[in-house]
């Protein structure tokens, strides 16, 4: 796969495919911790990101598949056997086309386009030093009504309670009617290794940090309600989710960094009250991606 971590697309024993980042990747083992924490929090925030898994890669598998390795210049570095981070691919790569770019004519029709403001809330809170990354693919989308923007997608489980604004689009006074299924493009948010400023485990902020490079995804933002319910969920983020993420990180990914990670997450909780101002700063940059925000 493309990217500095040199992830590989691998099929696991459960029959699913995963984009796997290795513990000894060129960016740092902390990248795996960042990915796991981000996946745990995104699941709570109910944003469309890939399910995460801890993937065991054995010495026997590596011996049988020598192409699974890391390239550093002219040197080939073997992958270390053990536990690695896996981000579930949305289907079988032999039959599912996944795109990292859509023209505006298709981008405006993406079923969950309204989740990009929610991802900005997440990226600002988590100090994602990378630009927002997303991929797109066609999936079965279940609409509650032909006049509703509401949807559910069957490629991974979503919580139906308190749906985002984009899922509450049914006009007042209209009957919900029977569910209707259609095929549409959906966005899948990916690549969270550079939250916490990557391996630096610190918080850096700039107006353009964490933004998606296509202004079309923010064209519908007219005010603070477009960041609901995610901004409220971050403001009231439960400490229990911090504990859940900490408990599930494999010890070999930390390698003595446990205290540093706990201190980092304590700072993250204190940072919640700054998220709104960090989002507002996005409108003050040289490039304003929110032309309709008044």
Protein backbone atom coordinates (compact mmCIF):
# COMPACT_ATOMS: atom_id res chain seq x y z
CA UNK A 1 0.00 0.00 0.00
CA UNK A 2 1.09 3.62 -0.52
CA UNK A 3 2.30 5.64 2.46
CA UNK A 4 5.30 6.03 4.70
CA UNK A 5 4.30 3.16 7.00
CA UNK A 6 4.58 0.66 4.09
CA UNK A 7 1.41 -1.17 5.12
CA UNK A 8 0.46 -4.39 3.32
CA UNK A 9 -2.97 -5.65 2.31
CA UNK A 10 -3.31 -9.14 3.78
CA UNK A 11 -6.10 -11.69 4.07
CA UNK A 12 -6.58 -12.97 7.62
CA UNK A 13 -7.89 -16.30 8.86
CA UNK A 14 -11.35 -14.77 9.40
CA UNK A 15 -11.68 -14.34 5.63
CA UNK A 16 -11.48 -10.54 5.82
CA UNK A 17 -8.79 -8.38 4.29
CA UNK A 18 -6.81 -5.90 6.39
CA UNK A 19 -4.42 -3.06 5.68
CA UNK A 20 -1.69 -4.09 8.12
CA UNK A 21 0.87 -1.72 9.61
CA UNK A 22 3.84 -3.55 11.08
CA UNK A 23 5.31 -2.97 14.49
CA UNK A 24 8.73 -2.22 12.98
CA UNK A 25 7.36 0.10 10.28
CA UNK A 26 9.60 2.99 9.12
CA UNK A 27 7.50 5.62 10.92
CA UNK A 28 7.65 4.16 14.47
CA UNK A 29 5.86 1.53 16.54
CA UNK A 30 3.88 4.37 18.21
CA UNK A 31 1.98 4.69 14.93
CA UNK A 32 0.21 1.42 15.78
CA UNK A 33 -0.81 2.75 19.19
CA UNK A 34 -2.16 5.90 17.56
CA UNK A 35 -4.17 3.84 15.07
CA UNK A 36 -5.68 1.68 17.81
CA UNK A 37 -6.64 4.60 20.05
CA UNK A 38 -8.13 6.47 17.08
CA UNK A 39 -10.17 3.44 15.97
CA UNK A 40 -11.56 3.00 19.50
CA UNK A 41 -12.60 6.63 19.74
CA UNK A 42 -14.04 6.79 16.22
CA UNK A 43 -16.26 3.82 17.02
CA UNK A 44 -17.65 5.70 20.03
CA UNK A 45 -18.14 8.88 17.99
CA UNK A 46 -20.01 6.83 15.33
CA UNK A 47 -17.94 8.00 12.39
CA UNK A 48 -17.39 5.91 9.29
CA UNK A 49 -13.93 4.48 9.85
CA UNK A 50 -12.65 0.97 9.35
CA UNK A 51 -12.92 -1.54 12.20
CA UNK A 52 -9.55 -2.29 13.76
CA UNK A 53 -7.99 -5.62 14.65
CA UNK A 54 -4.77 -6.88 16.18
CA UNK A 55 -3.22 -9.16 13.55
CA UNK A 56 -0.76 -11.91 14.40
CA UNK A 57 1.90 -12.50 11.78
CA UNK A 58 3.91 -15.66 12.33
CA UNK A 59 7.43 -16.55 11.31
CA UNK A 60 5.98 -19.35 9.19
CA UNK A 61 3.79 -16.91 7.24
CA UNK A 62 6.72 -14.56 6.63
CA UNK A 63 8.93 -17.43 5.45
CA UNK A 64 6.24 -18.47 2.96
CA UNK A 65 5.64 -14.89 1.80
CA UNK A 66 9.01 -13.14 1.46
CA UNK A 67 7.42 -10.21 -0.38
CA UNK A 68 5.88 -9.14 2.95
CA UNK A 69 8.79 -6.96 4.01
CA UNK A 70 9.86 -3.34 4.53
CA UNK A 71 12.02 -1.53 2.01
CA UNK A 72 14.47 1.06 3.33
CA UNK A 73 16.33 2.45 0.36
CA UNK A 74 18.19 -0.45 -1.16
CA UNK A 75 17.78 -2.59 1.97
CA UNK A 76 14.98 -5.07 2.57
CA UNK A 77 14.09 -5.29 6.26
CA UNK A 78 12.14 -8.34 7.40
CA UNK A 79 8.89 -7.86 9.29
CA UNK A 80 9.11 -8.79 12.95
CA UNK A 81 6.81 -11.72 13.82
CA UNK A 82 4.18 -10.89 16.42
CA UNK A 83 1.19 -8.58 16.79
CA UNK A 84 0.52 -5.82 14.29
CA UNK A 85 -2.27 -3.31 13.56
CA UNK A 86 -4.94 -4.13 11.00
CA UNK A 87 -7.51 -1.80 9.48
CA UNK A 88 -10.29 -3.79 7.85
CA UNK A 89 -10.61 -3.37 4.10
CA UNK A 90 -14.25 -2.78 3.10
CA UNK A 91 -14.52 -5.95 1.00
CA UNK A 92 -12.69 -8.36 -1.26
CA UNK A 93 -10.10 -6.38 -3.27
CA UNK A 94 -10.67 -8.75 -6.19
CA UNK A 95 -14.27 -7.61 -6.56
CA UNK A 96 -14.60 -4.23 -4.78
CA UNK A 97 -13.20 -1.10 -6.40
CA UNK A 98 -11.94 1.44 -3.87
CA UNK A 99 -11.00 4.98 -4.91
CA UNK A 100 -9.02 7.69 -3.16
CA UNK A 101 -10.42 10.39 -5.47
CA UNK A 102 -13.85 11.23 -6.83
CA UNK A 103 -14.69 14.14 -9.15
CA UNK A 104 -16.92 16.80 -7.63
CA UNK A 105 -19.89 15.56 -9.64
CA UNK A 106 -19.72 12.28 -7.70
CA UNK A 107 -18.30 13.62 -4.45
CA UNK A 108 -21.41 15.70 -3.79
CA UNK A 109 -23.50 12.51 -4.00
CA UNK A 110 -21.50 10.55 -1.39
CA UNK A 111 -24.07 9.19 1.04
CA UNK A 112 -22.23 10.14 4.23
CA UNK A 113 -20.68 13.39 3.05
CA UNK A 114 -22.04 15.03 6.21
CA UNK A 115 -19.53 13.09 8.31
CA UNK A 116 -16.57 15.14 7.11
CA UNK A 117 -17.32 17.96 9.60
CA UNK A 118 -17.46 15.27 12.28
CA UNK A 119 -14.05 14.02 11.22
CA UNK A 120 -12.72 17.56 11.51
CA UNK A 121 -13.90 17.61 15.12
CA UNK A 122 -12.01 14.37 15.70
CA UNK A 123 -8.86 15.46 13.86
CA UNK A 124 -8.62 18.78 15.68
CA UNK A 125 -9.14 17.15 19.06
CA UNK A 126 -6.58 14.42 18.35
CA UNK A 127 -4.07 16.80 16.73
CA UNK A 128 -3.89 14.88 13.48
CA UNK A 129 -0.75 16.27 11.86
CA UNK A 130 -1.72 14.70 8.53
CA UNK A 131 -4.41 15.88 6.13
CA UNK A 132 -7.71 14.03 6.35
CA UNK A 133 -7.50 10.81 4.37
CA UNK A 134 -10.55 9.03 2.94
CA UNK A 135 -11.40 6.38 0.38
CA UNK A 136 -14.66 5.83 -1.48
CA UNK A 137 -16.50 2.76 -2.71
CA UNK A 138 -20.00 1.79 -3.78
CA UNK A 139 -22.16 -0.04 -1.23
CA UNK A 140 -25.77 -0.89 -0.55
CA UNK A 141 -27.30 2.10 1.21
CA UNK A 142 -30.62 1.74 2.96
CA UNK A 143 -32.69 4.91 2.90
CA UNK A 144 -35.63 5.29 5.24
CA UNK A 145 -37.55 7.22 2.61
CA UNK A 146 -37.09 8.47 -0.96
CA UNK A 147 -37.11 12.02 0.41
CA UNK A 148 -34.75 11.27 3.29
CA UNK A 149 -31.01 11.75 3.44
CA UNK A 150 -30.87 9.11 6.16
CA UNK A 151 -28.93 5.96 5.49
CA UNK A 152 -27.38 2.90 6.97
CA UNK A 153 -24.61 0.93 5.32
CA UNK A 154 -24.24 -2.80 5.70
CA UNK A 155 -20.46 -3.19 5.30
CA UNK A 156 -19.84 -2.58 8.99
CA UNK A 157 -21.96 -2.16 12.09
CA UNK A 158 -23.10 1.35 13.02
CA UNK A 159 -24.88 2.57 16.11
CA UNK A 160 -28.35 3.85 15.18
CA UNK A 161 -28.90 5.90 18.33
CA UNK A 162 -28.44 9.68 18.06
CA UNK A 163 -27.57 9.69 14.34
CA UNK A 164 -25.54 12.56 12.86
CA UNK A 165 -27.29 15.48 11.21
CA UNK A 166 -26.80 13.94 7.78
CA UNK A 167 -28.86 10.99 8.98
CA UNK A 168 -31.71 13.16 10.25
CA UNK A 169 -32.67 14.73 6.96
CA UNK A 170 -36.31 13.60 6.70
CA UNK A 171 -38.52 16.67 6.20
CA UNK A 172 -41.10 17.35 8.89
CA UNK A 173 -44.53 15.94 8.26
CA UNK A 174 -43.40 13.27 5.78
CA UNK A 175 -43.99 9.59 6.40
CA UNK A 176 -40.83 7.54 6.78
CA UNK A 177 -42.25 4.87 4.48
CA UNK A 178 -40.62 1.53 3.79
CA UNK A 179 -36.86 1.25 3.66
CA UNK A 180 -35.44 1.53 0.17
CA UNK A 181 -32.06 0.17 -0.84
CA UNK A 182 -29.88 1.87 -3.41
CA UNK A 183 -26.24 1.70 -4.40
CA UNK A 184 -24.21 4.80 -3.66
CA UNK A 185 -20.70 5.92 -2.96
CA UNK A 186 -19.74 6.05 0.70
CA UNK A 187 -16.67 7.53 2.36
CA UNK A 188 -14.41 5.48 4.60
CA UNK A 189 -12.07 7.50 6.84
CA UNK A 190 -8.59 5.98 6.96
CA UNK A 191 -5.01 6.42 8.16
CA UNK A 192 -4.83 7.82 11.67
CA UNK A 193 -1.20 7.09 12.43
CA UNK A 194 -0.36 10.77 12.72
CA UNK A 195 -2.83 11.72 15.42
CA UNK A 196 -0.86 13.03 18.41
CA UNK A 197 1.63 14.38 15.83
CA UNK A 198 2.64 10.84 14.93
CA UNK A 199 5.48 9.34 16.98
CA UNK A 200 6.12 12.64 18.76
CA UNK A 201 3.11 12.18 21.04
CA UNK A 202 2.41 15.85 21.40
CA UNK A 203 -0.24 18.35 20.30
CA UNK A 204 0.48 20.71 17.42
CA UNK A 205 -2.13 22.96 15.87
CA UNK A 206 -2.43 24.88 12.61
CA UNK A 207 -5.51 26.14 10.71
CA UNK A 208 -5.15 23.67 7.82
CA UNK A 209 -4.18 20.67 9.90
CA UNK A 210 -6.61 17.74 9.64
CA UNK A 211 -8.62 19.22 6.77
CA UNK A 212 -9.65 17.25 3.70
CA UNK A 213 -8.14 18.81 0.57
CA UNK A 214 -11.44 19.04 -1.33
CA UNK A 215 -13.61 22.05 -0.29
CA UNK A 216 -16.70 20.30 -1.68
CA UNK A 217 -17.02 18.18 1.47
CA UNK A 218 -17.44 21.33 3.58
CA UNK A 219 -19.73 23.26 1.24
CA UNK A 220 -22.77 22.31 3.32
CA UNK A 221 -21.34 23.74 6.54
CA UNK A 222 -23.27 26.87 7.44
CA UNK A 223 -22.77 26.96 11.21
CA UNK A 224 -22.08 25.08 14.41
CA UNK A 225 -25.10 22.74 14.10
CA UNK A 226 -23.30 21.01 11.21
CA UNK A 227 -20.70 19.76 13.70
CA UNK A 228 -23.36 18.04 15.84
CA UNK A 229 -23.53 15.57 17.45
CA UNK A 230 -19.78 15.00 17.27
CA UNK A 231 -18.68 18.20 18.97
CA UNK A 232 -20.99 17.45 21.88
CA UNK A 233 -19.74 13.86 22.07
CA UNK A 234 -16.14 15.03 22.27
CA UNK A 235 -16.99 17.63 24.91
CA UNK A 236 -18.56 14.88 27.04
CA UNK A 237 -16.19 12.09 26.06
CA UNK A 238 -16.20 9.49 28.87
CA UNK A 239 -12.99 8.56 30.64
CA UNK A 240 -14.10 4.93 30.41
CA UNK A 241 -13.28 5.00 26.68
CA UNK A 242 -9.73 6.05 27.54
CA UNK A 243 -9.43 3.04 29.83
CA UNK A 244 -10.85 0.74 27.15
CA UNK A 245 -8.29 1.87 24.61
CA UNK A 246 -5.42 1.52 27.09
CA UNK A 247 -6.41 -2.00 28.12
CA UNK A 248 -6.44 -3.28 24.55
CA UNK A 249 -3.08 -1.95 23.32
CA UNK A 250 -0.61 -4.88 23.05
CA UNK A 251 2.29 -4.47 25.47
CA UNK A 252 4.84 -5.02 22.70
CA UNK A 253 3.60 -1.89 20.92
CA UNK A 254 4.32 0.21 24.01
CA UNK A 255 7.76 -1.12 24.97
CA UNK A 256 8.03 1.02 28.09
CA UNK A 257 5.80 3.86 26.85
CA UNK A 258 2.80 3.07 29.10
CA UNK A 259 3.30 6.06 31.40
CA UNK A 260 3.85 8.39 28.46
CA UNK A 261 0.65 7.17 26.80
CA UNK A 262 -1.40 7.65 29.96
CA UNK A 263 -0.05 11.20 30.34
CA UNK A 264 -0.84 11.91 26.69
CA UNK A 265 -4.44 10.76 27.05
CA UNK A 266 -4.88 12.82 30.21
CA UNK A 267 -3.87 15.89 28.20
CA UNK A 268 -6.30 14.82 25.49
CA UNK A 269 -9.20 14.92 27.94
CA UNK A 270 -8.21 18.40 29.08
CA UNK A 271 -8.02 19.47 25.43
CA UNK A 272 -11.73 18.87 24.78
CA UNK A 273 -12.67 22.46 25.64
CA UNK A 274 -10.34 23.81 22.92
CA UNK A 275 -11.85 21.91 19.99
CA UNK A 276 -14.41 24.55 18.99
CA UNK A 277 -11.79 27.30 18.86
CA UNK A 278 -9.46 25.06 16.83
CA UNK A 279 -12.25 24.50 14.30
CA UNK A 280 -12.99 28.22 14.15
CA UNK A 281 -9.32 28.88 13.39
CA UNK A 282 -9.81 26.92 10.15
CA UNK A 283 -11.83 29.82 8.76
CA UNK A 284 -8.99 32.26 9.43
CA UNK A 285 -6.35 30.52 7.32
CA UNK A 286 -5.12 31.71 3.94
CA UNK A 287 -7.42 29.15 2.33
CA UNK A 288 -11.00 29.17 3.63
CA UNK A 289 -12.65 25.84 2.95
CA UNK A 290 -15.93 26.95 4.55
CA UNK A 291 -17.32 29.61 2.17
CA UNK A 292 -20.91 29.18 3.38
CA UNK A 293 -20.19 29.33 7.11
CA UNK A 294 -21.72 32.49 8.48
